[in-house]
Amino acid sequence: MFTDKPSLHSEPSETENASRLSLLKQQLDERLALPRTSGWRILPLEWRYDFALLFDQARGWITYIDRSYNTRSN
């Protein structure tokens, strides 16, 4: 069942997602620029960025699929 009513849980806007991804990328770049940074310290930050990017792309793809299948008029 699809409704046009807004839910109590709102999704972050595309600008909020882009801002969050940009911040994670900046943090990762700063950590990589440090001369004595251990790979084990960078790995969790890199994973956070990779998963955020992956889920952001998946969210956009799912939204696209939902729009194409929700063609019924209510």
PDB file of N, CA and C in Angstrom:
ATOM      1  N   MET A   1       0.832  -1.174   0.000  1.00  0.00           N
ATOM      2  CA  MET A   1       0.000   0.000   0.000  1.00  0.00           C
ATOM      3  C   MET A   1       0.881   1.242   0.000  1.00  0.00           C
ATOM      4  N   PHE A   2       0.651   2.085  -0.962  1.00  0.00           N
ATOM      5  CA  PHE A   2       1.405   3.320  -1.042  1.00  0.00           C
ATOM      6  C   PHE A   2       0.495   4.477  -0.685  1.00  0.00           C
ATOM      7  N   THR A   3       1.002   5.388   0.084  1.00  0.00           N
ATOM      8  CA  THR A   3       0.244   6.588   0.412  1.00  0.00           C
ATOM      9  C   THR A   3       1.097   7.804   0.101  1.00  0.00           C
ATOM     10  N   ASP A   4       0.431   8.913  -0.094  1.00  0.00           N
ATOM     11  CA  ASP A   4       1.140  10.157  -0.358  1.00  0.00           C
ATOM     12  C   ASP A   4       1.374  10.953   0.917  1.00  0.00           C
ATOM     13  N   LYS A   5       0.955  10.408   2.049  1.00  0.00           N
ATOM     14  CA  LYS A   5       1.125  11.108   3.318  1.00  0.00           C
ATOM     15  C   LYS A   5       2.570  11.017   3.767  1.00  0.00           C
ATOM     16  N   PRO A   6       3.108  12.105   4.299  1.00  0.00           N
ATOM     17  CA  PRO A   6       4.480  12.034   4.801  1.00  0.00           C
ATOM     18  C   PRO A   6       4.545  11.157   6.038  1.00  0.00           C
ATOM     19  N   SER A   7       5.619  10.423   6.170  1.00  0.00           N
ATOM     20  CA  SER A   7       5.778   9.555   7.328  1.00  0.00           C
ATOM     21  C   SER A   7       6.405  10.329   8.474  1.00  0.00           C
ATOM     22  N   LEU A   8       6.334   9.754   9.666  1.00  0.00           N
ATOM     23  CA  LEU A   8       6.948  10.376  10.827  1.00  0.00           C
ATOM     24  C   LEU A   8       8.464  10.347  10.710  1.00  0.00           C
ATOM     25  N   HIS A   9       8.967   9.329  10.034  1.00  0.00           N
ATOM     26  CA  HIS A   9      10.412   9.201   9.828  1.00  0.00           C
ATOM     27  C   HIS A   9      10.721   9.738   8.445  1.00  0.00           C
ATOM     28  N   SER A  10      11.343  10.906   8.407  1.00  0.00           N
ATOM     29  CA  SER A  10      11.645  11.496   7.104  1.00  0.00           C
ATOM     30  C   SER A  10      13.067  11.129   6.691  1.00  0.00           C
ATOM     31  N   GLU A  11      13.224  10.911   5.422  1.00  0.00           N
ATOM     32  CA  GLU A  11      14.535  10.588   4.852  1.00  0.00           C
ATOM     33  C   GLU A  11      15.347  11.869   4.710  1.00  0.00           C
ATOM     34  N   PRO A  12      16.657  11.778   4.879  1.00  0.00           N
ATOM     35  CA  PRO A  12      17.493  12.963   4.670  1.00  0.00           C
ATOM     36  C   PRO A  12      17.441  13.405   3.209  1.00  0.00           C
ATOM     37  N   SER A  13      17.534  14.692   2.996  1.00  0.00           N
ATOM     38  CA  SER A  13      17.493  15.207   1.630  1.00  0.00           C
ATOM     39  C   SER A  13      18.789  14.849   0.903  1.00  0.00           C
ATOM     40  N   GLU A  14      18.763  15.028  -0.408  1.00  0.00           N
ATOM     41  CA  GLU A  14      19.959  14.719  -1.198  1.00  0.00           C
ATOM     42  C   GLU A  14      21.125  15.612  -0.799  1.00  0.00           C
ATOM     43  N   THR A  15      20.836  16.868  -0.448  1.00  0.00           N
ATOM     44  CA  THR A  15      21.913  17.765  -0.028  1.00  0.00           C
ATOM     45  C   THR A  15      22.502  17.331   1.296  1.00  0.00           C
ATOM     46  N   GLU A  16      21.661  16.845   2.218  1.00  0.00           N
ATOM     47  CA  GLU A  16      22.178  16.348   3.496  1.00  0.00           C
ATOM     48  C   GLU A  16      23.056  15.122   3.275  1.00  0.00           C
ATOM     49  N   ASN A  17      22.618  14.221   2.395  1.00  0.00           N
ATOM     50  CA  ASN A  17      23.414  13.034   2.078  1.00  0.00           C
ATOM     51  C   ASN A  17      24.738  13.419   1.432  1.00  0.00           C
ATOM     52  N   ALA A  18      24.695  14.347   0.486  1.00  0.00           N
ATOM     53  CA  ALA A  18      25.924  14.789  -0.183  1.00  0.00           C
ATOM     54  C   ALA A  18      26.860  15.465   0.810  1.00  0.00           C
ATOM     55  N   SER A  19      26.295  16.236   1.721  1.00  0.00           N
ATOM     56  CA  SER A  19      27.106  16.906   2.735  1.00  0.00           C
ATOM     57  C   SER A  19      27.769  15.894   3.662  1.00  0.00           C
ATOM     58  N   ARG A  20      27.016  14.874   4.059  1.00  0.00           N
ATOM     59  CA  ARG A  20      27.563  13.836   4.938  1.00  0.00           C
ATOM     60  C   ARG A  20      28.664  13.057   4.223  1.00  0.00           C
ATOM     61  N   LEU A  21      28.449  12.715   2.966  1.00  0.00           N
ATOM     62  CA  LEU A  21      29.473  12.005   2.195  1.00  0.00           C
ATOM     63  C   LEU A  21      30.716  12.879   2.011  1.00  0.00           C
ATOM     64  N   SER A  22      30.503  14.154   1.761  1.00  0.00           N
ATOM     65  CA  SER A  22      31.628  15.071   1.593  1.00  0.00           C
ATOM     66  C   SER A  22      32.441  15.174   2.881  1.00  0.00           C
ATOM     67  N   LEU A  23      31.764  15.225   4.012  1.00  0.00           N
ATOM     68  CA  LEU A  23      32.452  15.299   5.294  1.00  0.00           C
ATOM     69  C   LEU A  23      33.260  14.027   5.559  1.00  0.00           C
ATOM     70  N   LEU A  24      32.672  12.865   5.289  1.00  0.00           N
ATOM     71  CA  LEU A  24      33.398  11.608   5.470  1.00  0.00           C
ATOM     72  C   LEU A  24      34.615  11.537   4.555  1.00  0.00           C
ATOM     73  N   LYS A  25      34.450  11.971   3.304  1.00  0.00           N
ATOM     74  CA  LYS A  25      35.566  11.968   2.351  1.00  0.00           C
ATOM     75  C   LYS A  25      36.674  12.906   2.820  1.00  0.00           C
ATOM     76  N   GLN A  26      36.291  14.074   3.336  1.00  0.00           N
ATOM     77  CA  GLN A  26      37.279  15.029   3.841  1.00  0.00           C
ATOM     78  C   GLN A  26      38.044  14.446   5.030  1.00  0.00           C
ATOM     79  N   GLN A  27      37.324  13.793   5.947  1.00  0.00           N
ATOM     80  CA  GLN A  27      37.970  13.168   7.102  1.00  0.00           C
ATOM     81  C   GLN A  27      38.947  12.080   6.661  1.00  0.00           C
ATOM     82  N   LEU A  28      38.539  11.296   5.686  1.00  0.00           N
ATOM     83  CA  LEU A  28      39.392  10.232   5.175  1.00  0.00           C
ATOM     84  C   LEU A  28      40.645  10.813   4.514  1.00  0.00           C
ATOM     85  N   ASP A  29      40.462  11.841   3.697  1.00  0.00           N
ATOM     86  CA  ASP A  29      41.611  12.478   3.038  1.00  0.00           C
ATOM     87  C   ASP A  29      42.581  13.074   4.057  1.00  0.00           C
ATOM     88  N   GLU A  30      42.026  13.701   5.103  1.00  0.00           N
ATOM     89  CA  GLU A  30      42.889  14.274   6.147  1.00  0.00           C
ATOM     90  C   GLU A  30      43.675  13.179   6.866  1.00  0.00           C
ATOM     91  N   ARG A  31      43.017  12.078   7.154  1.00  0.00           N
ATOM     92  CA  ARG A  31      43.694  10.979   7.850  1.00  0.00           C
ATOM     93  C   ARG A  31      44.773  10.373   6.971  1.00  0.00           C
ATOM     94  N   LEU A  32      44.501  10.248   5.662  1.00  0.00           N
ATOM     95  CA  LEU A  32      45.497   9.699   4.740  1.00  0.00           C
ATOM     96  C   LEU A  32      46.695  10.628   4.573  1.00  0.00           C
ATOM     97  N   ALA A  33      46.495  11.922   4.766  1.00  0.00           N
ATOM     98  CA  ALA A  33      47.576  12.891   4.600  1.00  0.00           C
ATOM     99  C   ALA A  33      48.545  12.890   5.779  1.00  0.00           C
ATOM    100  N   LEU A  34      48.155  12.319   6.904  1.00  0.00           N
ATOM    101  CA  LEU A  34      49.048  12.276   8.061  1.00  0.00           C
ATOM    102  C   LEU A  34      50.212  11.342   7.759  1.00  0.00           C
ATOM    103  N   PRO A  35      51.430  11.729   8.153  1.00  0.00           N
ATOM    104  CA  PRO A  35      52.618  10.945   7.772  1.00  0.00           C
ATOM    105  C   PRO A  35      52.694   9.555   8.402  1.00  0.00           C
ATOM    106  N   ARG A  36      52.243   9.383   9.620  1.00  0.00           N
ATOM    107  CA  ARG A  36      52.405   8.094  10.301  1.00  0.00           C
ATOM    108  C   ARG A  36      51.074   7.445  10.646  1.00  0.00           C
ATOM    109  N   THR A  37      50.164   7.462   9.725  1.00  0.00           N
ATOM    110  CA  THR A  37      48.856   6.879   9.984  1.00  0.00           C
ATOM    111  C   THR A  37      48.878   5.393   9.667  1.00  0.00           C
ATOM    112  N   SER A  38      48.478   4.604  10.629  1.00  0.00           N
ATOM    113  CA  SER A  38      48.412   3.155  10.454  1.00  0.00           C
ATOM    114  C   SER A  38      47.204   2.794   9.589  1.00  0.00           C
ATOM    115  N   GLY A  39      47.378   1.784   8.777  1.00  0.00           N
ATOM    116  CA  GLY A  39      46.282   1.301   7.950  1.00  0.00           C
ATOM    117  C   GLY A  39      45.097   0.827   8.759  1.00  0.00           C
ATOM    118  N   TRP A  40      45.380   0.289   9.932  1.00  0.00           N
ATOM    119  CA  TRP A  40      44.297  -0.197  10.790  1.00  0.00           C
ATOM    120  C   TRP A  40      43.467   0.941  11.362  1.00  0.00           C
ATOM    121  N   ARG A  41      44.050   2.123  11.458  1.00  0.00           N
ATOM    122  CA  ARG A  41      43.298   3.283  11.938  1.00  0.00           C
ATOM    123  C   ARG A  41      42.483   3.919  10.817  1.00  0.00           C
ATOM    124  N   ILE A  42      42.946   3.775   9.601  1.00  0.00           N
ATOM    125  CA  ILE A  42      42.241   4.347   8.456  1.00  0.00           C
ATOM    126  C   ILE A  42      41.083   3.448   8.014  1.00  0.00           C
ATOM    127  N   LEU A  43      41.252   2.161   8.154  1.00  0.00           N
ATOM    128  CA  LEU A  43      40.275   1.200   7.647  1.00  0.00           C
ATOM    129  C   LEU A  43      38.841   1.453   8.118  1.00  0.00           C
ATOM    130  N   PRO A  44      38.575   1.656   9.420  1.00  0.00           N
ATOM    131  CA  PRO A  44      37.176   1.907   9.824  1.00  0.00           C
ATOM    132  C   PRO A  44      36.586   3.163   9.192  1.00  0.00           C
ATOM    133  N   LEU A  45      37.381   4.217   9.059  1.00  0.00           N
ATOM    134  CA  LEU A  45      36.894   5.440   8.422  1.00  0.00           C
ATOM    135  C   LEU A  45      36.619   5.206   6.939  1.00  0.00           C
ATOM    136  N   GLU A  46      37.494   4.449   6.299  1.00  0.00           N
ATOM    137  CA  GLU A  46      37.289   4.143   4.887  1.00  0.00           C
ATOM    138  C   GLU A  46      36.038   3.280   4.693  1.00  0.00           C
ATOM    139  N   TRP A  47      35.825   2.332   5.589  1.00  0.00           N
ATOM    140  CA  TRP A  47      34.616   1.504   5.509  1.00  0.00           C
ATOM    141  C   TRP A  47      33.355   2.344   5.705  1.00  0.00           C
ATOM    142  N   ARG A  48      33.398   3.275   6.658  1.00  0.00           N
ATOM    143  CA  ARG A  48      32.237   4.145   6.872  1.00  0.00           C
ATOM    144  C   ARG A  48      31.908   4.918   5.602  1.00  0.00           C
ATOM    145  N   TYR A  49      32.941   5.465   4.967  1.00  0.00           N
ATOM    146  CA  TYR A  49      32.729   6.216   3.732  1.00  0.00           C
ATOM    147  C   TYR A  49      32.195   5.314   2.622  1.00  0.00           C
ATOM    148  N   ASP A  50      32.805   4.142   2.450  1.00  0.00           N
ATOM    149  CA  ASP A  50      32.378   3.219   1.393  1.00  0.00           C
ATOM    150  C   ASP A  50      30.931   2.769   1.587  1.00  0.00           C
ATOM    151  N   PHE A  51      30.561   2.414   2.813  1.00  0.00           N
ATOM    152  CA  PHE A  51      29.191   1.981   3.079  1.00  0.00           C
ATOM    153  C   PHE A  51      28.203   3.132   2.926  1.00  0.00           C
ATOM    154  N   ALA A  52      28.578   4.336   3.356  1.00  0.00           N
ATOM    155  CA  ALA A  52      27.699   5.490   3.175  1.00  0.00           C
ATOM    156  C   ALA A  52      27.460   5.751   1.699  1.00  0.00           C
ATOM    157  N   LEU A  53      28.516   5.662   0.908  1.00  0.00           N
ATOM    158  CA  LEU A  53      28.398   5.859  -0.535  1.00  0.00           C
ATOM    159  C   LEU A  53      27.543   4.764  -1.165  1.00  0.00           C
ATOM    160  N   LEU A  54      27.784   3.528  -0.783  1.00  0.00           N
ATOM    161  CA  LEU A  54      27.011   2.404  -1.315  1.00  0.00           C
ATOM    162  C   LEU A  54      25.526   2.543  -0.993  1.00  0.00           C
ATOM    163  N   PHE A  55      25.212   2.830   0.276  1.00  0.00           N
ATOM    164  CA  PHE A  55      23.808   2.927   0.667  1.00  0.00           C
ATOM    165  C   PHE A  55      23.134   4.157   0.081  1.00  0.00           C
ATOM    166  N   ASP A  56      23.883   5.236  -0.128  1.00  0.00           N
ATOM    167  CA  ASP A  56      23.315   6.406  -0.773  1.00  0.00           C
ATOM    168  C   ASP A  56      22.932   6.080  -2.210  1.00  0.00           C
ATOM    169  N   GLN A  57      23.801   5.370  -2.916  1.00  0.00           N
ATOM    170  CA  GLN A  57      23.497   4.972  -4.288  1.00  0.00           C
ATOM    171  C   GLN A  57      22.327   3.983  -4.332  1.00  0.00           C
ATOM    172  N   ALA A  58      22.301   3.046  -3.390  1.00  0.00           N
ATOM    173  CA  ALA A  58      21.205   2.071  -3.336  1.00  0.00           C
ATOM    174  C   ALA A  58      19.884   2.773  -3.037  1.00  0.00           C
ATOM    175  N   ARG A  59      19.907   3.761  -2.144  1.00  0.00           N
ATOM    176  CA  ARG A  59      18.696   4.511  -1.813  1.00  0.00           C
ATOM    177  C   ARG A  59      18.148   5.212  -3.052  1.00  0.00           C
ATOM    178  N   GLY A  60      19.026   5.840  -3.815  1.00  0.00           N
ATOM    179  CA  GLY A  60      18.604   6.510  -5.038  1.00  0.00           C
ATOM    180  C   GLY A  60      18.046   5.536  -6.058  1.00  0.00           C
ATOM    181  N   TRP A  61      18.676   4.384  -6.182  1.00  0.00           N
ATOM    182  CA  TRP A  61      18.205   3.371  -7.126  1.00  0.00           C
ATOM    183  C   TRP A  61      16.841   2.823  -6.706  1.00  0.00           C
ATOM    184  N   ILE A  62      16.657   2.553  -5.433  1.00  0.00           N
ATOM    185  CA  ILE A  62      15.379   2.036  -4.933  1.00  0.00           C
ATOM    186  C   ILE A  62      14.278   3.072  -5.120  1.00  0.00           C
ATOM    187  N   THR A  63      14.590   4.341  -4.888  1.00  0.00           N
ATOM    188  CA  THR A  63      13.606   5.408  -5.109  1.00  0.00           C
ATOM    189  C   THR A  63      13.199   5.445  -6.574  1.00  0.00           C
ATOM    190  N   TYR A  64      14.162   5.306  -7.457  1.00  0.00           N
ATOM    191  CA  TYR A  64      13.868   5.280  -8.896  1.00  0.00           C
ATOM    192  C   TYR A  64      12.962   4.099  -9.242  1.00  0.00           C
ATOM    193  N   ILE A  65      13.274   2.923  -8.713  1.00  0.00           N
ATOM    194  CA  ILE A  65      12.455   1.727  -8.969  1.00  0.00           C
ATOM    195  C   ILE A  65      11.049   1.908  -8.405  1.00  0.00           C
ATOM    196  N   ASP A  66      10.943   2.433  -7.188  1.00  0.00           N
ATOM    197  CA  ASP A  66       9.626   2.666  -6.581  1.00  0.00           C
ATOM    198  C   ASP A  66       8.781   3.600  -7.417  1.00  0.00           C
ATOM    199  N   ARG A  67       9.375   4.657  -7.930  1.00  0.00           N
ATOM    200  CA  ARG A  67       8.622   5.601  -8.752  1.00  0.00           C
ATOM    201  C   ARG A  67       8.121   4.950 -10.027  1.00  0.00           C
ATOM    202  N   SER A  68       8.916   4.075 -10.617  1.00  0.00           N
ATOM    203  CA  SER A  68       8.497   3.452 -11.868  1.00  0.00           C
ATOM    204  C   SER A  68       7.416   2.400 -11.656  1.00  0.00           C
ATOM    205  N   TYR A  69       7.353   1.797 -10.467  1.00  0.00           N
ATOM    206  CA  TYR A  69       6.325   0.783 -10.196  1.00  0.00           C
ATOM    207  C   TYR A  69       5.077   1.371  -9.553  1.00  0.00           C
ATOM    208  N   ASN A  70       5.147   2.546  -9.009  1.00  0.00           N
ATOM    209  CA  ASN A  70       3.997   3.160  -8.359  1.00  0.00           C
ATOM    210  C   ASN A  70       3.272   4.060  -9.357  1.00  0.00           C
ATOM    211  N   THR A  71       2.653   3.436 -10.361  1.00  0.00           N
ATOM    212  CA  THR A  71       1.985   4.208 -11.410  1.00  0.00           C
ATOM    213  C   THR A  71       0.472   4.246 -11.241  1.00  0.00           C
ATOM    214  N   ARG A  72      -0.045   3.528 -10.227  1.00  0.00           N
ATOM    215  CA  ARG A  72      -1.486   3.542  -9.984  1.00  0.00           C
ATOM    216  C   ARG A  72      -1.937   4.898  -9.459  1.00  0.00           C
ATOM    217  N   SER A  73      -3.088   5.330  -9.921  1.00  0.00           N
ATOM    218  CA  SER A  73      -3.690   6.554  -9.383  1.00  0.00           C
ATOM    219  C   SER A  73      -4.567   6.171  -8.207  1.00  0.00           C
ATOM    220  N   ASN A  74      -4.477   6.945  -7.127  1.00  0.00           N
ATOM    221  CA  ASN A  74      -5.294   6.652  -5.938  1.00  0.00           C
ATOM    222  C   ASN A  74      -6.578   7.404  -5.969  1.00  0.00           C
TER     223      ASN A  74
END
